[in-house]
Amino acid sequence: TGVRGIRLGAAMQNFGPATLFSGSDFERNVLFPDDDPQSANRTVSTSSSESELPSLFSGSATLPLVTGDINHFDVHALYQSNSFNVDEFRFGAEYGWRQDFALRVGYKYTTADNELFGLTYGLGIRLPIGASKVSLDYAGQQVSDFFDDVHHFGLTFKF
C-alpha cells in the first residue's frame, strides 16, 4: 500500500459455473457376461453429475508494528469465506531478530462447534554455515480432540 509498510492481499478460487467431469478416464472396454465370447468388447462411457466447486474468498492484511535492522514485529489477519463451510478469522504475529531468529504465534477463530485446531506456535533459526545458509523451523498446533498436538519440523539449505 505504501502506507507504514501495510500489505494487503486477496484471492478468489473456484468462482464460475458448475462443472461436469467426463473424458477417456470415464470409459472402459468390457465384455458383458451374456455376450458371445467371440464378440468384441464394448466401450462403456459414464460421466459425473454436475457439481459446484467450493468457492473461496480470502482477504488478508499485514501490519508491521516494529521495523528496524535488528528487530521486527508484524501482526497478520486473514478473513476466509468458504461457500461450503463456516467463515474463519485467522490472526498471527511474528517477532524477528536480525533475520536469524523468529518467534511466531497464531490463532484461528471460527463459529464451528467441532473445530479441532487451536493455538499455533513456532520458531525459526537461520544458521550461516560457510557460504550457504541453513534454516531450521518448528511449528506446533494444539489439537482439542482425538490426537495429541501436531508438530512440524523443517530444514532448509540455501546455496
N, C-alpha and C. Protein backbone atom coordinates (compact mmCIF):
# COMPACT_ATOMS: atom_id res chain seq x y z
N THR A 1 0.80 -1.20 0.00
CA THR A 1 0.00 0.00 0.00
C THR A 1 0.84 1.26 0.00
N GLY A 2 2.09 1.16 0.44
CA GLY A 2 2.92 2.35 0.56
C GLY A 2 2.64 3.14 1.83
N VAL A 3 1.80 2.64 2.70
CA VAL A 3 1.45 3.33 3.95
C VAL A 3 1.97 2.49 5.12
N ARG A 4 2.98 2.99 5.80
CA ARG A 4 3.54 2.35 7.01
C ARG A 4 3.87 0.88 6.82
N GLY A 5 4.15 0.44 5.62
CA GLY A 5 4.52 -0.95 5.36
C GLY A 5 3.35 -1.92 5.38
N ILE A 6 2.13 -1.43 5.39
CA ILE A 6 0.94 -2.30 5.41
C ILE A 6 0.84 -3.04 4.08
N ARG A 7 0.62 -4.34 4.15
CA ARG A 7 0.44 -5.16 2.94
C ARG A 7 -0.95 -5.77 2.97
N LEU A 8 -1.62 -5.76 1.83
CA LEU A 8 -2.95 -6.34 1.68
C LEU A 8 -2.90 -7.43 0.62
N GLY A 9 -3.75 -8.42 0.78
CA GLY A 9 -3.83 -9.49 -0.20
C GLY A 9 -5.26 -10.01 -0.30
N ALA A 10 -5.59 -10.53 -1.46
CA ALA A 10 -6.91 -11.12 -1.66
C ALA A 10 -6.81 -12.23 -2.69
N ALA A 11 -7.65 -13.23 -2.55
CA ALA A 11 -7.68 -14.34 -3.50
C ALA A 11 -9.11 -14.86 -3.62
N MET A 12 -9.49 -15.20 -4.84
CA MET A 12 -10.78 -15.84 -5.10
C MET A 12 -10.49 -17.13 -5.83
N GLN A 13 -11.13 -18.21 -5.42
CA GLN A 13 -10.90 -19.52 -6.03
C GLN A 13 -12.23 -20.19 -6.34
N ASN A 14 -12.25 -20.91 -7.44
CA ASN A 14 -13.39 -21.74 -7.85
C ASN A 14 -14.67 -20.94 -8.06
N PHE A 15 -14.57 -19.75 -8.58
CA PHE A 15 -15.76 -18.98 -8.94
C PHE A 15 -16.11 -19.30 -10.38
N GLY A 16 -17.36 -19.64 -10.63
CA GLY A 16 -17.76 -19.93 -12.00
C GLY A 16 -18.92 -20.91 -12.01
N PRO A 17 -19.24 -21.39 -13.22
CA PRO A 17 -20.38 -22.30 -13.33
C PRO A 17 -20.06 -23.68 -12.75
N ALA A 18 -21.11 -24.47 -12.58
CA ALA A 18 -20.94 -25.84 -12.10
C ALA A 18 -20.16 -26.64 -13.14
N THR A 19 -19.50 -27.69 -12.69
CA THR A 19 -18.65 -28.48 -13.58
C THR A 19 -19.23 -29.87 -13.78
N LEU A 20 -18.82 -30.46 -14.89
CA LEU A 20 -19.21 -31.82 -15.23
C LEU A 20 -17.95 -32.52 -15.71
N PHE A 21 -17.57 -33.60 -15.06
CA PHE A 21 -16.36 -34.32 -15.42
C PHE A 21 -16.70 -35.44 -16.40
N SER A 22 -15.89 -35.55 -17.46
CA SER A 22 -16.07 -36.62 -18.44
C SER A 22 -14.74 -36.81 -19.15
N GLY A 23 -14.68 -37.77 -20.06
CA GLY A 23 -13.46 -37.98 -20.83
C GLY A 23 -13.05 -39.44 -20.83
N SER A 24 -11.84 -39.68 -21.31
CA SER A 24 -11.37 -41.05 -21.51
C SER A 24 -11.24 -41.82 -20.19
N ASP A 25 -11.02 -41.12 -19.09
CA ASP A 25 -10.93 -41.82 -17.80
C ASP A 25 -12.28 -42.35 -17.34
N PHE A 26 -13.35 -41.92 -17.98
CA PHE A 26 -14.69 -42.40 -17.65
C PHE A 26 -15.16 -43.48 -18.63
N GLU A 27 -14.26 -44.00 -19.47
CA GLU A 27 -14.61 -45.04 -20.44
C GLU A 27 -13.88 -46.33 -20.11
N ARG A 28 -14.57 -47.46 -20.32
CA ARG A 28 -14.00 -48.78 -20.10
C ARG A 28 -14.42 -49.70 -21.24
N ASN A 29 -13.50 -50.56 -21.66
CA ASN A 29 -13.81 -51.61 -22.64
C ASN A 29 -14.11 -52.88 -21.87
N VAL A 30 -15.33 -53.37 -22.01
CA VAL A 30 -15.76 -54.55 -21.25
C VAL A 30 -16.45 -55.55 -22.17
N LEU A 31 -16.45 -56.79 -21.76
CA LEU A 31 -17.21 -57.85 -22.41
C LEU A 31 -18.29 -58.26 -21.41
N PHE A 32 -19.56 -58.04 -21.79
CA PHE A 32 -20.66 -58.37 -20.90
C PHE A 32 -20.79 -59.88 -20.77
N PRO A 33 -21.20 -60.38 -19.61
CA PRO A 33 -21.31 -61.83 -19.38
C PRO A 33 -22.24 -62.52 -20.38
N ASP A 34 -23.30 -61.88 -20.85
CA ASP A 34 -24.25 -62.51 -21.76
C ASP A 34 -23.84 -62.40 -23.22
N ASP A 35 -22.74 -61.70 -23.54
CA ASP A 35 -22.30 -61.54 -24.92
C ASP A 35 -21.64 -62.82 -25.43
N ASP A 36 -21.63 -62.94 -26.74
CA ASP A 36 -20.92 -64.04 -27.40
C ASP A 36 -19.44 -63.89 -27.10
N PRO A 37 -18.76 -64.95 -26.65
CA PRO A 37 -17.34 -64.86 -26.31
C PRO A 37 -16.48 -64.41 -27.49
N GLN A 38 -16.94 -64.59 -28.71
CA GLN A 38 -16.17 -64.21 -29.89
C GLN A 38 -16.38 -62.73 -30.26
N SER A 39 -17.34 -62.07 -29.64
CA SER A 39 -17.62 -60.68 -30.00
C SER A 39 -16.58 -59.73 -29.40
N ALA A 40 -16.49 -58.56 -29.97
CA ALA A 40 -15.54 -57.56 -29.49
C ALA A 40 -16.06 -56.91 -28.21
N ASN A 41 -15.13 -56.36 -27.45
CA ASN A 41 -15.50 -55.63 -26.24
C ASN A 41 -16.32 -54.40 -26.61
N ARG A 42 -17.18 -54.01 -25.69
CA ARG A 42 -17.97 -52.80 -25.88
C ARG A 42 -17.35 -51.68 -25.05
N THR A 43 -17.43 -50.47 -25.55
CA THR A 43 -16.95 -49.31 -24.80
C THR A 43 -18.13 -48.73 -24.03
N VAL A 44 -17.96 -48.70 -22.73
CA VAL A 44 -18.99 -48.17 -21.84
C VAL A 44 -18.50 -46.82 -21.32
N SER A 45 -19.32 -45.80 -21.51
CA SER A 45 -18.96 -44.45 -21.05
C SER A 45 -19.86 -44.04 -19.89
N THR A 46 -19.27 -43.40 -18.93
CA THR A 46 -20.02 -42.82 -17.82
C THR A 46 -19.62 -41.36 -17.69
N SER A 47 -20.35 -40.62 -16.94
CA SER A 47 -19.98 -39.24 -16.65
C SER A 47 -20.44 -38.91 -15.24
N SER A 48 -19.86 -37.90 -14.70
CA SER A 48 -20.24 -37.50 -13.35
C SER A 48 -21.47 -36.60 -13.42
N SER A 49 -22.10 -36.46 -12.31
CA SER A 49 -23.21 -35.49 -12.25
C SER A 49 -22.62 -34.09 -12.16
N GLU A 50 -23.42 -33.12 -12.51
CA GLU A 50 -22.96 -31.74 -12.44
C GLU A 50 -22.80 -31.35 -10.98
N SER A 51 -21.69 -30.68 -10.67
CA SER A 51 -21.46 -30.29 -9.28
C SER A 51 -20.83 -28.90 -9.22
N GLU A 52 -21.04 -28.27 -8.10
CA GLU A 52 -20.48 -26.95 -7.87
C GLU A 52 -19.21 -27.09 -7.04
N LEU A 53 -18.13 -26.47 -7.47
CA LEU A 53 -16.90 -26.48 -6.70
C LEU A 53 -17.03 -25.51 -5.53
N PRO A 54 -16.37 -25.78 -4.42
CA PRO A 54 -16.49 -24.88 -3.27
C PRO A 54 -15.76 -23.57 -3.53
N SER A 55 -16.50 -22.49 -3.66
CA SER A 55 -15.87 -21.19 -3.89
C SER A 55 -15.27 -20.68 -2.58
N LEU A 56 -14.21 -19.91 -2.72
CA LEU A 56 -13.45 -19.46 -1.57
C LEU A 56 -12.98 -18.03 -1.81
N PHE A 57 -13.15 -17.18 -0.83
CA PHE A 57 -12.60 -15.83 -0.88
C PHE A 57 -11.75 -15.62 0.36
N SER A 58 -10.55 -15.09 0.16
CA SER A 58 -9.66 -14.78 1.27
C SER A 58 -9.20 -13.34 1.15
N GLY A 59 -9.17 -12.64 2.25
CA GLY A 59 -8.63 -11.29 2.31
C GLY A 59 -7.70 -11.18 3.51
N SER A 60 -6.53 -10.59 3.32
CA SER A 60 -5.55 -10.56 4.40
C SER A 60 -4.90 -9.19 4.51
N ALA A 61 -4.33 -8.94 5.68
CA ALA A 61 -3.59 -7.71 5.93
C ALA A 61 -2.43 -8.01 6.86
N THR A 62 -1.32 -7.33 6.62
CA THR A 62 -0.15 -7.42 7.50
C THR A 62 0.24 -6.01 7.90
N LEU A 63 0.46 -5.82 9.20
CA LEU A 63 0.85 -4.53 9.73
C LEU A 63 2.16 -4.68 10.50
N PRO A 64 3.23 -4.06 10.00
CA PRO A 64 4.49 -4.09 10.76
C PRO A 64 4.44 -3.06 11.89
N LEU A 65 4.48 -3.54 13.13
CA LEU A 65 4.43 -2.63 14.28
C LEU A 65 5.81 -2.12 14.65
N VAL A 66 6.83 -2.96 14.49
CA VAL A 66 8.20 -2.57 14.77
C VAL A 66 9.03 -2.93 13.55
N THR A 67 9.76 -1.98 13.02
CA THR A 67 10.64 -2.24 11.88
C THR A 67 12.03 -1.71 12.22
N GLY A 68 13.02 -2.41 11.75
CA GLY A 68 14.40 -1.98 12.00
C GLY A 68 15.36 -3.04 11.51
N ASP A 69 16.65 -2.72 11.61
CA ASP A 69 17.68 -3.66 11.16
C ASP A 69 17.83 -4.83 12.13
N ILE A 70 17.56 -4.61 13.39
CA ILE A 70 17.77 -5.67 14.39
C ILE A 70 16.47 -6.38 14.74
N ASN A 71 15.40 -5.64 15.01
CA ASN A 71 14.13 -6.23 15.43
C ASN A 71 13.01 -5.89 14.45
N HIS A 72 12.08 -6.83 14.32
CA HIS A 72 10.83 -6.51 13.63
C HIS A 72 9.70 -7.28 14.31
N PHE A 73 8.52 -6.70 14.28
CA PHE A 73 7.34 -7.34 14.86
C PHE A 73 6.16 -7.03 13.95
N ASP A 74 5.56 -8.08 13.39
CA ASP A 74 4.45 -7.94 12.45
C ASP A 74 3.22 -8.65 13.00
N VAL A 75 2.05 -8.09 12.75
CA VAL A 75 0.79 -8.77 13.05
C VAL A 75 0.07 -9.02 11.73
N HIS A 76 -0.62 -10.14 11.67
CA HIS A 76 -1.29 -10.57 10.46
C HIS A 76 -2.75 -10.91 10.77
N ALA A 77 -3.63 -10.66 9.81
CA ALA A 77 -5.04 -11.02 9.94
C ALA A 77 -5.53 -11.55 8.60
N LEU A 78 -6.39 -12.55 8.64
CA LEU A 78 -6.95 -13.16 7.43
C LEU A 78 -8.42 -13.46 7.67
N TYR A 79 -9.23 -13.11 6.69
CA TYR A 79 -10.64 -13.50 6.69
C TYR A 79 -10.83 -14.46 5.52
N GLN A 80 -11.48 -15.60 5.79
CA GLN A 80 -11.70 -16.60 4.75
C GLN A 80 -13.16 -17.00 4.72
N SER A 81 -13.79 -16.84 3.57
CA SER A 81 -15.19 -17.20 3.38
C SER A 81 -15.25 -18.37 2.41
N ASN A 82 -15.82 -19.48 2.87
CA ASN A 82 -15.91 -20.69 2.07
C ASN A 82 -17.39 -21.00 1.87
N SER A 83 -17.81 -21.24 0.62
CA SER A 83 -19.23 -21.44 0.35
C SER A 83 -19.80 -22.71 0.98
N PHE A 84 -18.97 -23.70 1.28
CA PHE A 84 -19.46 -24.96 1.86
C PHE A 84 -19.09 -25.13 3.32
N ASN A 85 -18.61 -24.07 3.98
CA ASN A 85 -18.18 -24.20 5.36
C ASN A 85 -18.39 -22.85 6.06
N VAL A 86 -18.11 -22.80 7.35
CA VAL A 86 -18.26 -21.55 8.10
C VAL A 86 -17.09 -20.63 7.79
N ASP A 87 -17.32 -19.34 7.99
CA ASP A 87 -16.25 -18.36 7.78
C ASP A 87 -15.21 -18.49 8.89
N GLU A 88 -13.97 -18.11 8.56
CA GLU A 88 -12.87 -18.18 9.52
C GLU A 88 -12.14 -16.85 9.59
N PHE A 89 -11.68 -16.53 10.78
CA PHE A 89 -10.78 -15.40 11.01
C PHE A 89 -9.50 -15.97 11.58
N ARG A 90 -8.38 -15.61 11.00
CA ARG A 90 -7.09 -16.10 11.48
C ARG A 90 -6.22 -14.89 11.84
N PHE A 91 -5.53 -15.02 12.97
CA PHE A 91 -4.68 -13.95 13.46
C PHE A 91 -3.31 -14.52 13.76
N GLY A 92 -2.28 -13.74 13.53
CA GLY A 92 -0.93 -14.20 13.80
C GLY A 92 0.00 -13.05 14.08
N ALA A 93 1.15 -13.39 14.64
CA ALA A 93 2.18 -12.40 14.92
C ALA A 93 3.54 -13.07 14.78
N GLU A 94 4.53 -12.26 14.38
CA GLU A 94 5.90 -12.77 14.25
C GLU A 94 6.87 -11.73 14.77
N TYR A 95 7.75 -12.18 15.66
CA TYR A 95 8.85 -11.35 16.12
C TYR A 95 10.12 -11.90 15.49
N GLY A 96 10.91 -11.01 14.90
CA GLY A 96 12.17 -11.44 14.29
C GLY A 96 13.33 -10.64 14.83
N TRP A 97 14.46 -11.31 14.97
CA TRP A 97 15.68 -10.69 15.45
C TRP A 97 16.80 -10.94 14.44
N ARG A 98 17.32 -9.88 13.84
CA ARG A 98 18.45 -9.92 12.92
C ARG A 98 18.28 -10.87 11.74
N GLN A 99 17.11 -11.13 11.30
CA GLN A 99 16.85 -12.06 10.20
C GLN A 99 17.35 -13.48 10.49
N ASP A 100 17.77 -13.73 11.74
CA ASP A 100 18.32 -15.04 12.10
C ASP A 100 17.45 -15.82 13.07
N PHE A 101 16.51 -15.15 13.70
CA PHE A 101 15.65 -15.83 14.68
C PHE A 101 14.24 -15.27 14.55
N ALA A 102 13.24 -16.14 14.58
CA ALA A 102 11.85 -15.70 14.51
C ALA A 102 11.02 -16.51 15.49
N LEU A 103 10.11 -15.83 16.15
CA LEU A 103 9.17 -16.44 17.09
C LEU A 103 7.78 -16.12 16.58
N ARG A 104 6.91 -17.15 16.44
CA ARG A 104 5.61 -16.96 15.80
C ARG A 104 4.48 -17.54 16.66
N VAL A 105 3.30 -16.91 16.54
CA VAL A 105 2.10 -17.40 17.21
C VAL A 105 0.89 -17.10 16.32
N GLY A 106 -0.11 -17.96 16.38
CA GLY A 106 -1.30 -17.74 15.57
C GLY A 106 -2.52 -18.38 16.19
N TYR A 107 -3.69 -17.94 15.74
CA TYR A 107 -4.94 -18.48 16.25
C TYR A 107 -6.01 -18.37 15.17
N LYS A 108 -6.85 -19.40 15.07
CA LYS A 108 -7.96 -19.40 14.12
C LYS A 108 -9.26 -19.34 14.90
N TYR A 109 -10.11 -18.35 14.57
CA TYR A 109 -11.43 -18.23 15.20
C TYR A 109 -12.48 -18.62 14.17
N THR A 110 -13.39 -19.49 14.58
CA THR A 110 -14.49 -19.91 13.72
C THR A 110 -15.70 -20.21 14.59
N THR A 111 -16.88 -20.18 14.00
CA THR A 111 -18.09 -20.49 14.76
C THR A 111 -18.43 -21.97 14.75
N ALA A 112 -17.60 -22.79 14.14
CA ALA A 112 -17.85 -24.24 14.10
C ALA A 112 -17.71 -24.83 15.50
N ASP A 113 -18.65 -25.69 15.86
CA ASP A 113 -18.62 -26.32 17.18
C ASP A 113 -17.58 -27.43 17.27
N ASN A 114 -17.20 -27.99 16.14
CA ASN A 114 -16.31 -29.14 16.14
C ASN A 114 -14.91 -28.81 15.65
N GLU A 115 -14.45 -27.61 15.86
CA GLU A 115 -13.11 -27.21 15.40
C GLU A 115 -12.06 -27.95 16.22
N LEU A 116 -11.14 -28.62 15.51
CA LEU A 116 -10.11 -29.41 16.18
C LEU A 116 -8.89 -28.60 16.58
N PHE A 117 -8.56 -27.60 15.80
CA PHE A 117 -7.28 -26.92 15.98
C PHE A 117 -7.44 -25.61 16.73
N GLY A 118 -6.46 -25.31 17.57
CA GLY A 118 -6.49 -24.08 18.36
C GLY A 118 -5.27 -23.24 18.09
N LEU A 119 -4.57 -22.90 19.14
CA LEU A 119 -3.39 -22.05 19.07
C LEU A 119 -2.28 -22.72 18.26
N THR A 120 -1.59 -21.93 17.44
CA THR A 120 -0.40 -22.41 16.74
C THR A 120 0.79 -21.59 17.22
N TYR A 121 1.96 -22.19 17.18
CA TYR A 121 3.15 -21.53 17.69
C TYR A 121 4.36 -22.09 16.95
N GLY A 122 5.44 -21.35 16.94
CA GLY A 122 6.62 -21.84 16.26
C GLY A 122 7.80 -20.92 16.39
N LEU A 123 8.91 -21.39 15.87
CA LEU A 123 10.12 -20.59 15.83
C LEU A 123 10.97 -21.01 14.66
N GLY A 124 11.83 -20.11 14.24
CA GLY A 124 12.75 -20.38 13.15
C GLY A 124 14.12 -19.84 13.47
N ILE A 125 15.15 -20.57 13.07
CA ILE A 125 16.54 -20.17 13.30
C ILE A 125 17.29 -20.32 11.99
N ARG A 126 18.04 -19.29 11.61
CA ARG A 126 18.86 -19.35 10.40
C ARG A 126 20.32 -19.36 10.83
N LEU A 127 21.06 -20.35 10.34
CA LEU A 127 22.46 -20.51 10.72
C LEU A 127 23.35 -20.36 9.49
N PRO A 128 24.26 -19.40 9.49
CA PRO A 128 25.19 -19.31 8.37
C PRO A 128 26.29 -20.36 8.52
N ILE A 129 26.41 -21.22 7.53
CA ILE A 129 27.45 -22.26 7.53
C ILE A 129 28.24 -22.09 6.24
N GLY A 130 29.42 -21.50 6.34
CA GLY A 130 30.21 -21.21 5.15
C GLY A 130 29.48 -20.20 4.28
N ALA A 131 29.43 -20.48 2.98
CA ALA A 131 28.75 -19.58 2.05
C ALA A 131 27.25 -19.85 2.00
N SER A 132 26.83 -20.98 2.54
CA SER A 132 25.41 -21.33 2.50
C SER A 132 24.73 -20.94 3.80
N LYS A 133 23.41 -21.00 3.78
CA LYS A 133 22.62 -20.72 4.97
C LYS A 133 21.70 -21.91 5.22
N VAL A 134 21.59 -22.31 6.45
CA VAL A 134 20.73 -23.41 6.85
C VAL A 134 19.67 -22.85 7.79
N SER A 135 18.41 -23.17 7.52
CA SER A 135 17.32 -22.71 8.38
C SER A 135 16.63 -23.92 9.00
N LEU A 136 16.34 -23.81 10.27
CA LEU A 136 15.60 -24.83 11.00
C LEU A 136 14.31 -24.18 11.50
N ASP A 137 13.18 -24.77 11.15
CA ASP A 137 11.88 -24.24 11.56
C ASP A 137 11.11 -25.29 12.34
N TYR A 138 10.38 -24.82 13.32
CA TYR A 138 9.50 -25.68 14.11
C TYR A 138 8.14 -25.00 14.21
N ALA A 139 7.08 -25.78 14.08
CA ALA A 139 5.73 -25.27 14.27
C ALA A 139 4.92 -26.30 15.05
N GLY A 140 4.12 -25.84 15.98
CA GLY A 140 3.25 -26.70 16.75
C GLY A 140 1.82 -26.21 16.66
N GLN A 141 0.89 -27.13 16.83
CA GLN A 141 -0.52 -26.79 16.72
C GLN A 141 -1.30 -27.57 17.77
N GLN A 142 -2.08 -26.85 18.58
CA GLN A 142 -2.91 -27.51 19.58
C GLN A 142 -4.08 -28.22 18.91
N VAL A 143 -4.36 -29.44 19.36
CA VAL A 143 -5.48 -30.22 18.84
C VAL A 143 -6.39 -30.53 20.02
N SER A 144 -7.69 -30.27 19.87
CA SER A 144 -8.60 -30.40 21.01
C SER A 144 -9.07 -31.82 21.28
N ASP A 145 -9.29 -32.61 20.25
CA ASP A 145 -9.83 -33.96 20.44
C ASP A 145 -9.06 -34.97 19.61
N PHE A 146 -9.16 -36.22 20.00
CA PHE A 146 -8.71 -37.38 19.24
C PHE A 146 -7.19 -37.57 19.20
N PHE A 147 -6.41 -36.52 19.05
CA PHE A 147 -4.98 -36.65 18.84
C PHE A 147 -4.23 -35.76 19.82
N ASP A 148 -2.92 -36.01 19.92
CA ASP A 148 -2.05 -35.08 20.63
C ASP A 148 -1.77 -33.90 19.72
N ASP A 149 -1.09 -32.89 20.25
CA ASP A 149 -0.74 -31.73 19.44
C ASP A 149 0.08 -32.17 18.23
N VAL A 150 0.00 -31.39 17.15
CA VAL A 150 0.71 -31.69 15.91
C VAL A 150 1.99 -30.86 15.90
N HIS A 151 3.11 -31.50 15.50
CA HIS A 151 4.40 -30.82 15.46
C HIS A 151 5.00 -30.98 14.07
N HIS A 152 5.55 -29.88 13.54
CA HIS A 152 6.18 -29.89 12.22
C HIS A 152 7.61 -29.38 12.36
N PHE A 153 8.54 -30.02 11.66
CA PHE A 153 9.92 -29.57 11.63
C PHE A 153 10.32 -29.38 10.18
N GLY A 154 11.08 -28.34 9.92
CA GLY A 154 11.56 -28.09 8.56
C GLY A 154 13.03 -27.74 8.58
N LEU A 155 13.74 -28.21 7.57
CA LEU A 155 15.15 -27.93 7.41
C LEU A 155 15.37 -27.45 5.99
N THR A 156 15.95 -26.25 5.84
CA THR A 156 16.14 -25.64 4.52
C THR A 156 17.62 -25.34 4.31
N PHE A 157 18.13 -25.72 3.15
CA PHE A 157 19.51 -25.41 2.76
C PHE A 157 19.46 -24.42 1.61
N LYS A 158 20.16 -23.31 1.71
CA LYS A 158 20.26 -22.34 0.62
C LYS A 158 21.72 -22.23 0.23
N PHE A 159 21.98 -22.40 -1.06
CA PHE A 159 23.36 -22.35 -1.54
C PHE A 159 23.62 -21.10 -2.32
